[in-house]
Amino acid sequence: MGSSDEVITQARAIKILADHVPRIDKNLCDRVIAEYKIISKQLNNLRNNWVDYNKR
């Protein structure tokens, strides 16, 4: 989960950098951020609902 949050942070930083580097696609940054927010939520739900069968 931490990794997906780090990707979001890096994508936001790259989007800010795009103000100075016109080759960087801000729309792509927005899509990456949106997708990783979904992934982060999915990972969080998986972690919360995980059943440890070794403890049973």
C-alpha atoms as a PDB file:
ATOM      1  CA  MET A   1       0.000   0.000   0.000  1.00  0.00           C
ATOM      2  CA  GLY A   2       2.845   2.375   0.785  1.00  0.00           C
ATOM      3  CA  SER A   3       4.263   1.900  -2.683  1.00  0.00           C
ATOM      4  CA  SER A   4       1.062   2.996  -4.397  1.00  0.00           C
ATOM      5  CA  ASP A   5       0.917   6.082  -2.176  1.00  0.00           C
ATOM      6  CA  GLU A   6       4.524   6.854  -3.110  1.00  0.00           C
ATOM      7  CA  VAL A   7       3.671   6.552  -6.813  1.00  0.00           C
ATOM      8  CA  ILE A   8       0.842   9.057  -6.321  1.00  0.00           C
ATOM      9  CA  THR A   9       3.232  11.468  -4.610  1.00  0.00           C
ATOM     10  CA  GLN A  10       5.792  11.107  -7.393  1.00  0.00           C
ATOM     11  CA  ALA A  11       3.157  11.584 -10.101  1.00  0.00           C
ATOM     12  CA  ARG A  12       2.014  14.778  -8.385  1.00  0.00           C
ATOM     13  CA  ALA A  13       5.618  16.012  -8.263  1.00  0.00           C
ATOM     14  CA  ILE A  14       6.069  15.218 -11.958  1.00  0.00           C
ATOM     15  CA  LYS A  15       2.847  17.072 -12.744  1.00  0.00           C
ATOM     16  CA  ILE A  16       4.248  20.152 -10.983  1.00  0.00           C
ATOM     17  CA  LEU A  17       7.477  19.747 -12.945  1.00  0.00           C
ATOM     18  CA  ALA A  18       5.396  19.718 -16.143  1.00  0.00           C
ATOM     19  CA  ASP A  19       4.940  23.475 -15.767  1.00  0.00           C
ATOM     20  CA  HIS A  20       8.621  23.786 -16.722  1.00  0.00           C
ATOM     21  CA  VAL A  21       8.973  20.807 -19.078  1.00  0.00           C
ATOM     22  CA  PRO A  22       6.389  20.946 -21.847  1.00  0.00           C
ATOM     23  CA  ARG A  23       7.041  17.345 -22.978  1.00  0.00           C
ATOM     24  CA  ILE A  24       5.482  16.011 -19.771  1.00  0.00           C
ATOM     25  CA  ASP A  25       1.814  15.159 -20.307  1.00  0.00           C
ATOM     26  CA  LYS A  26      -0.236  16.514 -17.390  1.00  0.00           C
ATOM     27  CA  ASN A  27      -3.255  14.455 -18.469  1.00  0.00           C
ATOM     28  CA  LEU A  28      -1.190  11.289 -18.195  1.00  0.00           C
ATOM     29  CA  CYS A  29      -0.131  12.329 -14.695  1.00  0.00           C
ATOM     30  CA  ASP A  30      -3.789  12.810 -13.767  1.00  0.00           C
ATOM     31  CA  ARG A  31      -4.662   9.365 -15.132  1.00  0.00           C
ATOM     32  CA  VAL A  32      -1.789   7.736 -13.227  1.00  0.00           C
ATOM     33  CA  ILE A  33      -2.852   9.469 -10.019  1.00  0.00           C
ATOM     34  CA  ALA A  34      -6.483   8.402 -10.465  1.00  0.00           C
ATOM     35  CA  GLU A  35      -5.551   4.798 -11.238  1.00  0.00           C
ATOM     36  CA  TYR A  36      -3.189   4.491  -8.299  1.00  0.00           C
ATOM     37  CA  LYS A  37      -5.800   5.949  -5.943  1.00  0.00           C
ATOM     38  CA  ILE A  38      -8.065   3.076  -6.982  1.00  0.00           C
ATOM     39  CA  ILE A  39      -5.247   0.558  -6.555  1.00  0.00           C
ATOM     40  CA  SER A  40      -4.401   1.971  -3.133  1.00  0.00           C
ATOM     41  CA  LYS A  41      -8.025   1.614  -1.995  1.00  0.00           C
ATOM     42  CA  GLN A  42      -8.160  -1.949  -3.328  1.00  0.00           C
ATOM     43  CA  LEU A  43      -4.969  -2.877  -1.490  1.00  0.00           C
ATOM     44  CA  ASN A  44      -6.273  -1.312   1.702  1.00  0.00           C
ATOM     45  CA  ASN A  45      -9.530  -3.302   1.416  1.00  0.00           C
ATOM     46  CA  LEU A  46      -7.563  -6.485   0.767  1.00  0.00           C
ATOM     47  CA  ARG A  47      -5.397  -5.871   3.830  1.00  0.00           C
ATOM     48  CA  ASN A  48      -8.454  -5.179   6.017  1.00  0.00           C
ATOM     49  CA  ASN A  49     -10.308  -8.277   4.812  1.00  0.00           C
ATOM     50  CA  TRP A  50      -7.351 -10.658   4.687  1.00  0.00           C
ATOM     51  CA  VAL A  51      -7.930 -13.948   6.458  1.00  0.00           C
ATOM     52  CA  ASP A  52      -4.837 -15.538   7.934  1.00  0.00           C
ATOM     53  CA  TYR A  53      -5.563 -19.248   7.581  1.00  0.00           C
ATOM     54  CA  ASN A  54      -2.499 -20.140   9.641  1.00  0.00           C
ATOM     55  CA  LYS A  55      -4.162 -18.584  12.717  1.00  0.00           C
ATOM     56  CA  ARG A  56      -7.288 -20.730  12.350  1.00  0.00           C
END
